[in-house]
Amino acid sequence: MKSSSQGVSAFNTSRSVNRNISRIECGHTRGYEVRLMRQRRLYCKLFSDGVHGGKKAALLAARAFRDSLIEKLAHRKYSRRDRATTKRRSNRSGVVGVRYTEVQDTRGAKTQTYAFWEAQWSPAPGQRRTRRFSVRKYGFVQARRMAVEARRQGVEEMQD
């Protein structure tokens, strides 16, 4: 099912009364689709023009469903700490907020590469803290351990 290019831009702006609602016009399917993602779960429902008696009625039904769903899910909000400790698929280090990085420093004709394990966290909204641990100074394994510990301590101190 594809959304029409005209309907998507008109219905998915965050300030629109139709946020999370898209117009679907594909094949014999005509209607409004409500799509809402909360805590890694997708809530999706189609409101067909034919079933609801026209475009306007389908849109009103979609809005009512969306509003009731948002109200129902409002109590299940993630805290800042929950979001900070949720592992993403793209994580390659195995630890949220910890990464291996190499920085190249070019001075003159010579280029030096520095390797670090880096921990990052947000102690308060709008703030970010980063600590780097040199692989050259501590060794690969110890630098990683230190970054993991720094991240753990940083997350413990987070304000919600």
C-alpha atoms as a PDB file:
ATOM      1  CA  MET A   1       0.000   0.000   0.000  1.00  0.00           C
ATOM      2  CA  LYS A   2       1.426   3.324  -1.014  1.00  0.00           C
ATOM      3  CA  SER A   3       0.357   6.735   0.165  1.00  0.00           C
ATOM      4  CA  SER A   4      -0.489   9.363  -2.382  1.00  0.00           C
ATOM      5  CA  SER A   5       2.190  12.013  -2.560  1.00  0.00           C
ATOM      6  CA  GLN A   6      -0.397  14.775  -2.207  1.00  0.00           C
ATOM      7  CA  GLY A   7      -1.922  13.430   1.012  1.00  0.00           C
ATOM      8  CA  VAL A   8       1.265  12.678   2.934  1.00  0.00           C
ATOM      9  CA  SER A   9       2.659  16.196   3.025  1.00  0.00           C
ATOM     10  CA  ALA A  10      -0.692  17.700   3.946  1.00  0.00           C
ATOM     11  CA  PHE A  11      -1.386  15.301   6.794  1.00  0.00           C
ATOM     12  CA  ASN A  12       1.828  14.468   8.610  1.00  0.00           C
ATOM     13  CA  THR A  13       3.121  17.776   9.908  1.00  0.00           C
ATOM     14  CA  SER A  14       3.564  17.799  13.672  1.00  0.00           C
ATOM     15  CA  ARG A  15       1.349  20.876  14.107  1.00  0.00           C
ATOM     16  CA  SER A  16      -1.423  19.558  11.866  1.00  0.00           C
ATOM     17  CA  VAL A  17      -4.720  18.424  13.345  1.00  0.00           C
ATOM     18  CA  ASN A  18      -4.128  15.349  11.184  1.00  0.00           C
ATOM     19  CA  ARG A  19      -0.719  14.345  12.527  1.00  0.00           C
ATOM     20  CA  ASN A  20      -0.145  10.573  12.373  1.00  0.00           C
ATOM     21  CA  ILE A  21      -2.880  10.324   9.714  1.00  0.00           C
ATOM     22  CA  SER A  22      -2.119   9.651   6.040  1.00  0.00           C
ATOM     23  CA  ARG A  23      -4.404   9.537   3.022  1.00  0.00           C
ATOM     24  CA  ILE A  24      -4.186   6.196   1.206  1.00  0.00           C
ATOM     25  CA  GLU A  25      -5.175   5.950  -2.455  1.00  0.00           C
ATOM     26  CA  CYS A  26      -3.753   2.771  -3.933  1.00  0.00           C
ATOM     27  CA  GLY A  27      -5.567   0.384  -6.237  1.00  0.00           C
ATOM     28  CA  HIS A  28      -9.085   0.013  -4.863  1.00  0.00           C
ATOM     29  CA  THR A  29      -8.107   1.216  -1.391  1.00  0.00           C
ATOM     30  CA  ARG A  30      -9.276   4.687  -0.425  1.00  0.00           C
ATOM     31  CA  GLY A  31      -9.169   5.955   3.128  1.00  0.00           C
ATOM     32  CA  TYR A  32      -7.142   7.383   5.992  1.00  0.00           C
ATOM     33  CA  GLU A  33      -4.499   5.431   7.853  1.00  0.00           C
ATOM     34  CA  VAL A  34      -3.533   6.153  11.446  1.00  0.00           C
ATOM     35  CA  ARG A  35       0.088   5.208  12.227  1.00  0.00           C
ATOM     36  CA  LEU A  36       1.511   5.800  15.682  1.00  0.00           C
ATOM     37  CA  MET A  37       4.756   4.438  17.131  1.00  0.00           C
ATOM     38  CA  ARG A  38       5.152   4.110  20.885  1.00  0.00           C
ATOM     39  CA  GLN A  39       7.863   2.205  22.743  1.00  0.00           C
ATOM     40  CA  ARG A  40       8.955   0.311  19.613  1.00  0.00           C
ATOM     41  CA  ARG A  41       5.394  -0.792  18.846  1.00  0.00           C
ATOM     42  CA  LEU A  42       3.497   0.348  15.758  1.00  0.00           C
ATOM     43  CA  TYR A  43      -0.221   1.018  16.071  1.00  0.00           C
ATOM     44  CA  CYS A  44      -1.850   1.128  12.650  1.00  0.00           C
ATOM     45  CA  LYS A  45      -5.472   1.201  11.468  1.00  0.00           C
ATOM     46  CA  LEU A  46      -7.162   2.045   8.151  1.00  0.00           C
ATOM     47  CA  PHE A  47     -10.432   3.977   7.971  1.00  0.00           C
ATOM     48  CA  SER A  48     -11.952   3.248   4.567  1.00  0.00           C
ATOM     49  CA  ASP A  49     -14.068   5.842   2.755  1.00  0.00           C
ATOM     50  CA  GLY A  50     -16.558   3.142   1.731  1.00  0.00           C
ATOM     51  CA  VAL A  51     -17.052   1.705   5.209  1.00  0.00           C
ATOM     52  CA  HIS A  52     -17.399   5.097   6.879  1.00  0.00           C
ATOM     53  CA  GLY A  53     -19.599   6.750   4.231  1.00  0.00           C
ATOM     54  CA  GLY A  54     -17.140   9.085   2.520  1.00  0.00           C
ATOM     55  CA  LYS A  55     -13.852  10.924   2.912  1.00  0.00           C
ATOM     56  CA  LYS A  56     -14.985  13.336   5.605  1.00  0.00           C
ATOM     57  CA  ALA A  57     -16.526  10.650   7.829  1.00  0.00           C
ATOM     58  CA  ALA A  58     -13.451   8.424   7.428  1.00  0.00           C
ATOM     59  CA  LEU A  59     -11.173  11.318   8.405  1.00  0.00           C
ATOM     60  CA  LEU A  60     -13.287  12.124  11.478  1.00  0.00           C
ATOM     61  CA  ALA A  61     -13.223   8.452  12.534  1.00  0.00           C
ATOM     62  CA  ALA A  62      -9.438   8.325  12.043  1.00  0.00           C
ATOM     63  CA  ARG A  63      -8.964  11.459  14.177  1.00  0.00           C
ATOM     64  CA  ALA A  64     -11.189  10.056  16.935  1.00  0.00           C
ATOM     65  CA  PHE A  65      -9.269   6.763  16.928  1.00  0.00           C
ATOM     66  CA  ARG A  66      -5.902   8.565  16.969  1.00  0.00           C
ATOM     67  CA  ASP A  67      -6.951  10.820  19.852  1.00  0.00           C
ATOM     68  CA  SER A  68      -8.278   7.917  21.943  1.00  0.00           C
ATOM     69  CA  LEU A  69      -5.126   5.892  21.236  1.00  0.00           C
ATOM     70  CA  ILE A  70      -2.850   8.766  22.285  1.00  0.00           C
ATOM     71  CA  GLU A  71      -4.887   9.212  25.474  1.00  0.00           C
ATOM     72  CA  LYS A  72      -4.755   5.463  26.201  1.00  0.00           C
ATOM     73  CA  LEU A  73      -0.979   5.336  25.699  1.00  0.00           C
ATOM     74  CA  ALA A  74      -0.190   8.603  27.520  1.00  0.00           C
ATOM     75  CA  HIS A  75       0.510   6.901  30.862  1.00  0.00           C
ATOM     76  CA  ARG A  76       3.152   4.646  29.272  1.00  0.00           C
ATOM     77  CA  LYS A  77       5.809   7.279  28.621  1.00  0.00           C
ATOM     78  CA  TYR A  78       9.510   6.520  28.576  1.00  0.00           C
ATOM     79  CA  SER A  79      11.640   8.355  31.093  1.00  0.00           C
ATOM     80  CA  ARG A  80      14.887   9.937  29.924  1.00  0.00           C
ATOM     81  CA  ARG A  81      16.753   7.087  31.611  1.00  0.00           C
ATOM     82  CA  ASP A  82      14.616   4.470  29.815  1.00  0.00           C
ATOM     83  CA  ARG A  83      15.381   6.082  26.446  1.00  0.00           C
ATOM     84  CA  ALA A  84      19.079   6.364  27.318  1.00  0.00           C
ATOM     85  CA  THR A  85      19.365   2.658  28.099  1.00  0.00           C
ATOM     86  CA  THR A  86      17.357   1.286  25.159  1.00  0.00           C
ATOM     87  CA  LYS A  87      19.673  -0.628  22.850  1.00  0.00           C
ATOM     88  CA  ARG A  88      19.244   0.162  19.151  1.00  0.00           C
ATOM     89  CA  ARG A  89      19.803  -2.214  16.251  1.00  0.00           C
ATOM     90  CA  SER A  90      22.626  -0.022  14.981  1.00  0.00           C
ATOM     91  CA  ASN A  91      24.634  -0.480  18.199  1.00  0.00           C
ATOM     92  CA  ARG A  92      27.984  -2.090  17.370  1.00  0.00           C
ATOM     93  CA  SER A  93      29.784  -1.944  20.730  1.00  0.00           C
ATOM     94  CA  GLY A  94      27.190  -3.974  22.613  1.00  0.00           C
ATOM     95  CA  VAL A  95      26.792  -1.227  25.237  1.00  0.00           C
ATOM     96  CA  VAL A  96      24.420   1.719  24.822  1.00  0.00           C
ATOM     97  CA  GLY A  97      26.282   5.042  24.834  1.00  0.00           C
ATOM     98  CA  VAL A  98      29.735   3.500  24.395  1.00  0.00           C
ATOM     99  CA  ARG A  99      31.624   3.487  21.112  1.00  0.00           C
ATOM    100  CA  TYR A 100      35.049   2.896  19.691  1.00  0.00           C
ATOM    101  CA  THR A 101      36.409   5.819  17.711  1.00  0.00           C
ATOM    102  CA  GLU A 102      39.584   6.736  15.890  1.00  0.00           C
ATOM    103  CA  VAL A 103      40.594  10.358  15.365  1.00  0.00           C
ATOM    104  CA  GLN A 104      43.157  11.438  12.796  1.00  0.00           C
ATOM    105  CA  ASP A 105      45.333  14.419  13.653  1.00  0.00           C
ATOM    106  CA  THR A 106      47.256  15.966  10.772  1.00  0.00           C
ATOM    107  CA  ARG A 107      50.025  18.366  11.635  1.00  0.00           C
ATOM    108  CA  GLY A 108      52.209  19.260   8.708  1.00  0.00           C
ATOM    109  CA  ALA A 109      52.990  16.239   6.560  1.00  0.00           C
ATOM    110  CA  LYS A 110      52.513  13.773   9.427  1.00  0.00           C
ATOM    111  CA  THR A 111      49.155  12.164  10.241  1.00  0.00           C
ATOM    112  CA  GLN A 112      48.667  10.522  13.624  1.00  0.00           C
ATOM    113  CA  THR A 113      45.714   8.256  14.458  1.00  0.00           C
ATOM    114  CA  TYR A 114      44.424   8.139  18.026  1.00  0.00           C
ATOM    115  CA  ALA A 115      42.079   5.347  19.133  1.00  0.00           C
ATOM    116  CA  PHE A 116      39.599   5.795  21.992  1.00  0.00           C
ATOM    117  CA  TRP A 117      36.703   4.140  23.696  1.00  0.00           C
ATOM    118  CA  GLU A 118      34.182   6.884  24.319  1.00  0.00           C
ATOM    119  CA  ALA A 119      31.259   7.060  26.756  1.00  0.00           C
ATOM    120  CA  GLN A 120      28.465   9.570  26.279  1.00  0.00           C
ATOM    121  CA  TRP A 121      25.370  10.464  28.322  1.00  0.00           C
ATOM    122  CA  SER A 122      23.021  13.345  29.062  1.00  0.00           C
ATOM    123  CA  PRO A 123      22.981  14.353  32.753  1.00  0.00           C
ATOM    124  CA  ALA A 124      20.114  16.831  32.216  1.00  0.00           C
ATOM    125  CA  PRO A 125      17.935  17.907  29.286  1.00  0.00           C
ATOM    126  CA  GLY A 126      20.019  19.829  26.755  1.00  0.00           C
ATOM    127  CA  GLN A 127      23.361  18.716  28.214  1.00  0.00           C
ATOM    128  CA  ARG A 128      25.792  16.098  26.968  1.00  0.00           C
ATOM    129  CA  ARG A 129      28.844  14.641  28.661  1.00  0.00           C
ATOM    130  CA  THR A 130      31.587  12.657  26.948  1.00  0.00           C
ATOM    131  CA  ARG A 131      34.577  10.816  28.374  1.00  0.00           C
ATOM    132  CA  ARG A 132      37.298   9.272  26.250  1.00  0.00           C
ATOM    133  CA  PHE A 133      39.705   6.548  27.246  1.00  0.00           C
ATOM    134  CA  SER A 134      42.845   6.111  25.165  1.00  0.00           C
ATOM    135  CA  VAL A 135      43.586   2.679  23.739  1.00  0.00           C
ATOM    136  CA  ARG A 136      47.278   3.576  23.628  1.00  0.00           C
ATOM    137  CA  LYS A 137      47.338   4.537  27.320  1.00  0.00           C
ATOM    138  CA  TYR A 138      45.051   1.852  28.840  1.00  0.00           C
ATOM    139  CA  GLY A 139      44.944  -0.894  26.215  1.00  0.00           C
ATOM    140  CA  PHE A 140      41.901  -1.884  24.166  1.00  0.00           C
ATOM    141  CA  VAL A 141      40.117  -3.995  26.795  1.00  0.00           C
ATOM    142  CA  GLN A 142      40.797  -1.739  29.798  1.00  0.00           C
ATOM    143  CA  ALA A 143      39.818   1.429  27.890  1.00  0.00           C
ATOM    144  CA  ARG A 144      36.508  -0.216  26.948  1.00  0.00           C
ATOM    145  CA  ARG A 145      35.867  -1.289  30.547  1.00  0.00           C
ATOM    146  CA  MET A 146      36.544   2.248  31.748  1.00  0.00           C
ATOM    147  CA  ALA A 147      34.163   3.708  29.147  1.00  0.00           C
ATOM    148  CA  VAL A 148      31.421   1.252  30.138  1.00  0.00           C
ATOM    149  CA  GLU A 149      31.869   2.176  33.818  1.00  0.00           C
ATOM    150  CA  ALA A 150      31.864   5.920  33.063  1.00  0.00           C
ATOM    151  CA  ARG A 151      28.646   5.503  31.084  1.00  0.00           C
ATOM    152  CA  ARG A 152      27.024   3.480  33.889  1.00  0.00           C
ATOM    153  CA  GLN A 153      27.873   6.157  36.453  1.00  0.00           C
ATOM    154  CA  GLY A 154      26.674   8.912  34.131  1.00  0.00           C
ATOM    155  CA  VAL A 155      23.309   7.238  33.542  1.00  0.00           C
ATOM    156  CA  GLU A 156      22.844   6.737  37.312  1.00  0.00           C
ATOM    157  CA  GLU A 157      23.237  10.493  37.811  1.00  0.00           C
ATOM    158  CA  MET A 158      20.722  11.406  35.077  1.00  0.00           C
ATOM    159  CA  GLN A 159      17.821  13.671  35.966  1.00  0.00           C
ATOM    160  CA  ASP A 160      14.397  12.699  34.615  1.00  0.00           C
END
